[in-house]
Amino acid sequence: MSAGAQPLQFSLLRLEPSVASQEAGDGAPEAYAILTIEANDDVAPFHDRQMAVLLRNQRMAWLDGTCLEEELLRPLPAGTFVVSQPREASAQATLAF
């Protein structure tokens, strides 16, 4: 972020509960990775990359390899993300650039 720029918050318009936010239950530490892809029309004015978002109905296809990566790792349609300035520091999971 350039000096003096206001932080921005990118959130999904329809937020699904994240698998990463659910406890493993077996005492194992939670782990996740963020893959980046070309930014969609909502994010592109601010950055050339965005996190890849798998929808609930795509998760098993990703895990069991029944779909090609190119079919799953695509930018979401315009209007999927809401871009706003954060009101205050929050513990809520958000994607901020």
Protein backbone atom coordinates (compact mmCIF):
# COMPACT_ATOMS: atom_id res chain seq x y z
CA MET A 1 0.00 0.00 0.00
CA SER A 2 1.40 3.39 -0.88
CA ALA A 3 2.11 5.94 1.84
CA GLY A 4 -1.01 7.82 2.89
CA ALA A 5 -3.39 5.42 1.10
CA GLN A 6 -6.50 4.36 2.98
CA PRO A 7 -6.75 0.62 3.74
CA LEU A 8 -9.50 -1.21 1.87
CA GLN A 9 -11.49 -4.24 2.86
CA PHE A 10 -12.74 -6.80 0.31
CA SER A 11 -15.53 -9.12 1.46
CA LEU A 12 -17.71 -11.57 -0.38
CA LEU A 13 -21.22 -10.32 -0.99
CA ARG A 14 -22.66 -13.72 0.04
CA LEU A 15 -20.27 -15.09 2.65
CA GLU A 16 -20.18 -18.84 3.16
CA PRO A 17 -18.70 -20.23 6.38
CA SER A 18 -15.04 -21.02 5.82
CA VAL A 19 -13.69 -24.51 6.32
CA ALA A 20 -10.56 -22.90 7.80
CA SER A 21 -12.68 -21.26 10.50
CA GLN A 22 -13.98 -24.60 11.78
CA GLU A 23 -11.99 -26.34 14.49
CA ALA A 24 -10.23 -29.55 13.51
CA GLY A 25 -11.41 -31.17 16.75
CA ASP A 26 -8.43 -33.52 16.99
CA GLY A 27 -6.03 -31.02 18.57
CA ALA A 28 -4.15 -30.53 15.30
CA PRO A 29 -3.29 -26.92 14.46
CA GLU A 30 -5.44 -25.31 11.80
CA ALA A 31 -3.67 -24.68 8.51
CA TYR A 32 -4.60 -23.11 5.21
CA ALA A 33 -3.09 -21.60 2.10
CA ILE A 34 -4.20 -18.70 -0.04
CA LEU A 35 -3.84 -19.14 -3.78
CA THR A 36 -3.96 -16.00 -5.89
CA ILE A 37 -5.43 -15.55 -9.34
CA GLU A 38 -6.07 -12.69 -11.76
CA ALA A 39 -8.27 -10.06 -10.09
CA ASN A 40 -11.94 -9.83 -11.05
CA ASP A 41 -13.62 -6.55 -12.02
CA ASP A 42 -14.31 -5.64 -8.35
CA VAL A 43 -10.69 -5.99 -7.21
CA ALA A 44 -8.82 -4.99 -10.42
CA PRO A 45 -9.03 -1.21 -9.81
CA PHE A 46 -7.04 -1.77 -6.59
CA HIS A 47 -4.78 -4.76 -7.29
CA ASP A 48 -3.91 -7.11 -10.17
CA ARG A 49 -4.31 -10.27 -8.04
CA GLN A 50 -6.98 -11.61 -5.70
CA MET A 51 -7.40 -14.70 -3.58
CA ALA A 52 -8.93 -17.70 -5.31
CA VAL A 53 -12.38 -18.45 -3.88
CA LEU A 54 -13.81 -21.95 -3.99
CA LEU A 55 -17.55 -22.11 -3.54
CA ARG A 56 -19.00 -24.77 -1.27
CA ASN A 57 -20.05 -26.95 -4.23
CA GLN A 58 -16.48 -26.84 -5.64
CA ARG A 59 -14.56 -27.92 -2.54
CA MET A 60 -14.70 -31.69 -3.03
CA ALA A 61 -13.81 -31.35 -6.74
CA TRP A 62 -10.69 -29.44 -5.63
CA LEU A 63 -9.76 -31.98 -2.98
CA ASP A 64 -10.34 -35.13 -5.04
CA GLY A 65 -8.98 -33.69 -8.30
CA THR A 66 -12.07 -34.39 -10.41
CA CYS A 67 -11.91 -30.94 -12.06
CA LEU A 68 -9.02 -29.22 -13.77
CA GLU A 69 -7.47 -26.36 -11.79
CA GLU A 70 -8.33 -24.00 -14.65
CA GLU A 71 -12.04 -24.76 -14.15
CA LEU A 72 -11.96 -23.96 -10.43
CA LEU A 73 -9.35 -21.22 -10.09
CA ARG A 74 -11.16 -18.47 -11.99
CA PRO A 75 -12.06 -14.92 -10.99
CA LEU A 76 -15.60 -14.64 -9.66
CA PRO A 77 -18.14 -12.53 -11.59
CA ALA A 78 -18.27 -8.76 -11.15
CA GLY A 79 -20.41 -7.78 -8.18
CA THR A 80 -19.18 -10.67 -6.03
CA PHE A 81 -17.01 -8.55 -3.74
CA VAL A 82 -17.99 -5.51 -1.70
CA VAL A 83 -15.15 -3.00 -1.40
CA SER A 84 -15.20 -0.68 1.62
CA GLN A 85 -12.95 1.12 4.06
CA PRO A 86 -12.69 -0.71 7.39
CA ARG A 87 -14.43 1.10 10.24
CA GLU A 88 -11.99 -0.13 12.87
CA ALA A 89 -9.60 -2.97 13.59
CA SER A 90 -11.57 -6.19 13.88
CA ALA A 91 -10.91 -9.82 14.68
CA GLN A 92 -13.30 -10.75 11.85
CA ALA A 93 -11.54 -12.47 8.96
CA THR A 94 -11.29 -10.09 6.01
CA LEU A 95 -9.10 -9.73 2.98
CA ALA A 96 -7.42 -6.33 3.24
CA PHE A 97 -4.84 -4.87 0.88
